N, C-alpha and C. Protein backbone atom coordinates (compact mmCIF):
# COMPACT_ATOMS: atom_id res chain seq x y z
N MET A 1 -64.65 -105.58 -74.58
CA MET A 1 -65.79 -104.87 -75.11
C MET A 1 -65.79 -103.46 -74.54
N LEU A 2 -66.24 -102.52 -75.29
CA LEU A 2 -66.30 -101.15 -74.82
C LEU A 2 -67.31 -101.02 -73.69
N SER A 3 -66.94 -100.29 -72.69
CA SER A 3 -67.86 -100.03 -71.58
C SER A 3 -68.98 -99.12 -72.08
N PRO A 4 -70.22 -99.40 -71.68
CA PRO A 4 -71.34 -98.55 -72.14
C PRO A 4 -71.17 -97.10 -71.73
N HIS A 5 -70.53 -96.84 -70.58
CA HIS A 5 -70.37 -95.47 -70.12
C HIS A 5 -69.22 -94.74 -70.80
N PHE A 6 -68.38 -95.46 -71.53
CA PHE A 6 -67.18 -94.86 -72.09
C PHE A 6 -67.48 -93.68 -72.98
N PHE A 7 -68.52 -93.77 -73.80
CA PHE A 7 -68.84 -92.70 -74.73
C PHE A 7 -69.98 -91.82 -74.24
N SER A 8 -70.45 -92.04 -73.02
CA SER A 8 -71.63 -91.30 -72.55
C SER A 8 -71.40 -89.79 -72.56
N GLY A 9 -70.19 -89.35 -72.29
CA GLY A 9 -69.91 -87.91 -72.31
C GLY A 9 -69.71 -87.37 -73.70
N ALA A 10 -69.56 -88.24 -74.67
CA ALA A 10 -69.28 -87.81 -76.03
C ALA A 10 -70.51 -87.86 -76.94
N ARG A 11 -71.67 -88.06 -76.36
CA ARG A 11 -72.89 -88.13 -77.17
C ARG A 11 -73.12 -86.79 -77.86
N SER A 12 -73.60 -86.87 -79.07
CA SER A 12 -73.91 -85.65 -79.80
C SER A 12 -75.17 -85.89 -80.61
N ARG A 13 -75.51 -84.94 -81.43
CA ARG A 13 -76.70 -85.09 -82.26
C ARG A 13 -76.39 -85.84 -83.55
N LEU A 14 -75.14 -86.21 -83.73
CA LEU A 14 -74.77 -86.96 -84.93
C LEU A 14 -75.30 -88.38 -84.84
N PRO A 15 -75.68 -88.96 -85.98
CA PRO A 15 -76.07 -90.37 -85.98
C PRO A 15 -74.89 -91.24 -85.54
N THR A 16 -75.19 -92.40 -85.01
CA THR A 16 -74.16 -93.31 -84.52
C THR A 16 -73.10 -93.59 -85.57
N ARG A 17 -73.51 -93.80 -86.82
CA ARG A 17 -72.55 -94.12 -87.87
C ARG A 17 -71.49 -93.02 -87.99
N GLN A 18 -71.92 -91.77 -87.93
CA GLN A 18 -70.97 -90.66 -88.06
C GLN A 18 -70.05 -90.58 -86.84
N ARG A 19 -70.58 -90.87 -85.65
CA ARG A 19 -69.74 -90.86 -84.45
C ARG A 19 -68.69 -91.95 -84.54
N VAL A 20 -69.08 -93.14 -84.99
CA VAL A 20 -68.14 -94.26 -85.11
C VAL A 20 -67.10 -93.95 -86.19
N ARG A 21 -67.53 -93.37 -87.30
CA ARG A 21 -66.58 -92.99 -88.36
C ARG A 21 -65.58 -91.95 -87.84
N GLY A 22 -66.08 -90.99 -87.07
CA GLY A 22 -65.20 -89.97 -86.50
C GLY A 22 -64.18 -90.58 -85.54
N LEU A 23 -64.64 -91.49 -84.70
CA LEU A 23 -63.73 -92.17 -83.77
C LEU A 23 -62.69 -92.96 -84.55
N ALA A 24 -63.12 -93.67 -85.56
CA ALA A 24 -62.18 -94.46 -86.37
C ALA A 24 -61.13 -93.56 -87.02
N ARG A 25 -61.55 -92.43 -87.52
CA ARG A 25 -60.64 -91.50 -88.18
C ARG A 25 -59.63 -90.93 -87.19
N VAL A 26 -60.11 -90.46 -86.04
CA VAL A 26 -59.24 -89.86 -85.03
C VAL A 26 -58.24 -90.87 -84.48
N CYS A 27 -58.68 -92.11 -84.32
CA CYS A 27 -57.85 -93.13 -83.68
C CYS A 27 -57.06 -93.97 -84.67
N ASP A 28 -57.24 -93.72 -85.96
CA ASP A 28 -56.54 -94.49 -87.00
C ASP A 28 -56.84 -95.99 -86.89
N VAL A 29 -58.12 -96.29 -86.65
CA VAL A 29 -58.60 -97.66 -86.55
C VAL A 29 -59.61 -97.83 -87.68
N PRO A 30 -59.58 -98.97 -88.38
CA PRO A 30 -60.55 -99.16 -89.47
C PRO A 30 -62.00 -99.04 -88.97
N TYR A 31 -62.80 -98.30 -89.71
CA TYR A 31 -64.22 -98.14 -89.38
C TYR A 31 -64.88 -99.50 -89.26
N SER A 32 -64.54 -100.41 -90.16
CA SER A 32 -65.17 -101.74 -90.15
C SER A 32 -64.90 -102.49 -88.85
N THR A 33 -63.75 -102.28 -88.24
CA THR A 33 -63.43 -102.93 -86.97
C THR A 33 -64.39 -102.46 -85.89
N LEU A 34 -64.58 -101.15 -85.80
CA LEU A 34 -65.48 -100.61 -84.78
C LEU A 34 -66.93 -100.97 -85.07
N LYS A 35 -67.33 -100.87 -86.33
CA LYS A 35 -68.71 -101.16 -86.72
C LYS A 35 -69.05 -102.62 -86.42
N ASN A 36 -68.18 -103.53 -86.82
CA ASN A 36 -68.44 -104.95 -86.59
C ASN A 36 -68.46 -105.29 -85.10
N THR A 37 -67.59 -104.65 -84.34
CA THR A 37 -67.57 -104.89 -82.90
C THR A 37 -68.87 -104.42 -82.27
N GLU A 38 -69.34 -103.27 -82.68
CA GLU A 38 -70.58 -102.71 -82.13
C GLU A 38 -71.78 -103.57 -82.53
N GLN A 39 -71.87 -103.95 -83.79
CA GLN A 39 -73.02 -104.69 -84.29
C GLN A 39 -73.10 -106.11 -83.72
N ARG A 40 -71.95 -106.71 -83.48
CA ARG A 40 -71.92 -108.11 -83.03
C ARG A 40 -71.61 -108.24 -81.55
N SER A 41 -71.60 -107.12 -80.85
CA SER A 41 -71.24 -107.12 -79.43
C SER A 41 -69.94 -107.89 -79.21
N GLY A 42 -69.01 -107.66 -80.11
CA GLY A 42 -67.73 -108.34 -80.05
C GLY A 42 -66.76 -107.69 -79.10
N GLN A 43 -65.56 -108.21 -79.12
CA GLN A 43 -64.51 -107.68 -78.27
C GLN A 43 -63.39 -107.14 -79.14
N LEU A 44 -62.80 -106.05 -78.69
CA LEU A 44 -61.67 -105.46 -79.40
C LEU A 44 -60.37 -106.08 -78.89
N THR A 45 -59.37 -106.09 -79.74
CA THR A 45 -58.06 -106.55 -79.29
C THR A 45 -57.42 -105.47 -78.43
N VAL A 46 -56.45 -105.86 -77.65
CA VAL A 46 -55.72 -104.88 -76.83
C VAL A 46 -55.06 -103.84 -77.72
N ASP A 47 -54.52 -104.27 -78.85
CA ASP A 47 -53.89 -103.32 -79.78
C ASP A 47 -54.88 -102.26 -80.25
N THR A 48 -56.10 -102.67 -80.58
CA THR A 48 -57.11 -101.71 -81.04
C THR A 48 -57.49 -100.76 -79.91
N ILE A 49 -57.63 -101.29 -78.71
CA ILE A 49 -57.95 -100.43 -77.56
C ILE A 49 -56.82 -99.43 -77.33
N GLU A 50 -55.59 -99.87 -77.48
CA GLU A 50 -54.45 -98.95 -77.33
C GLU A 50 -54.50 -97.84 -78.38
N TRP A 51 -54.84 -98.18 -79.64
CA TRP A 51 -54.96 -97.16 -80.69
C TRP A 51 -56.06 -96.16 -80.36
N ILE A 52 -57.18 -96.66 -79.83
CA ILE A 52 -58.28 -95.77 -79.44
C ILE A 52 -57.82 -94.81 -78.36
N CYS A 53 -57.13 -95.34 -77.37
CA CYS A 53 -56.63 -94.50 -76.27
C CYS A 53 -55.63 -93.46 -76.79
N LEU A 54 -54.76 -93.86 -77.68
CA LEU A 54 -53.82 -92.90 -78.26
C LEU A 54 -54.54 -91.80 -79.02
N GLY A 55 -55.53 -92.19 -79.80
CA GLY A 55 -56.29 -91.21 -80.58
C GLY A 55 -57.07 -90.24 -79.71
N LEU A 56 -57.57 -90.73 -78.58
CA LEU A 56 -58.34 -89.89 -77.67
C LEU A 56 -57.45 -89.21 -76.63
N GLU A 57 -56.17 -89.54 -76.69
CA GLU A 57 -55.18 -88.97 -75.78
C GLU A 57 -55.54 -89.22 -74.32
N ILE A 58 -55.87 -90.48 -74.03
CA ILE A 58 -56.15 -90.89 -72.65
C ILE A 58 -55.29 -92.09 -72.33
N PRO A 59 -54.93 -92.27 -71.06
CA PRO A 59 -54.18 -93.46 -70.68
C PRO A 59 -55.07 -94.71 -70.77
N LEU A 60 -54.45 -95.83 -71.03
CA LEU A 60 -55.18 -97.09 -71.13
C LEU A 60 -55.97 -97.37 -69.84
N SER A 61 -55.41 -96.98 -68.71
CA SER A 61 -56.09 -97.21 -67.43
C SER A 61 -57.43 -96.50 -67.35
N VAL A 62 -57.56 -95.33 -67.97
CA VAL A 62 -58.82 -94.60 -67.97
C VAL A 62 -59.89 -95.36 -68.75
N PHE A 63 -59.49 -96.01 -69.81
CA PHE A 63 -60.43 -96.78 -70.64
C PHE A 63 -61.12 -97.86 -69.80
N PHE A 64 -60.38 -98.45 -68.88
CA PHE A 64 -60.92 -99.56 -68.08
C PHE A 64 -61.44 -99.13 -66.71
N THR A 65 -61.43 -97.84 -66.42
CA THR A 65 -61.91 -97.37 -65.13
C THR A 65 -63.42 -97.35 -65.11
N GLU A 66 -63.99 -97.91 -64.05
CA GLU A 66 -65.44 -97.92 -63.88
C GLU A 66 -65.92 -96.50 -63.60
N LYS A 67 -67.10 -96.17 -64.10
CA LYS A 67 -67.69 -94.87 -63.85
C LYS A 67 -67.93 -94.72 -62.35
N GLY A 68 -67.53 -93.59 -61.80
CA GLY A 68 -67.72 -93.33 -60.39
C GLY A 68 -66.62 -93.88 -59.50
N ALA A 69 -65.63 -94.54 -60.12
CA ALA A 69 -64.54 -95.13 -59.32
C ALA A 69 -63.47 -94.10 -59.05
């Protein structure tokens, strides 16, 4: 599951739907995957997390790093 702090620095005035669509577009991940995960508090596959990291140009280890660690 995505860490709540993961997107805290990326907050904007855009509605959540537009932020999720933008993330999906940048990361080449289906919007429905992210939307359903968010709505159902589901878990993403490792492959999807890897695509997100590639799209955001961050190492996988950063995705799982606790805030303040």
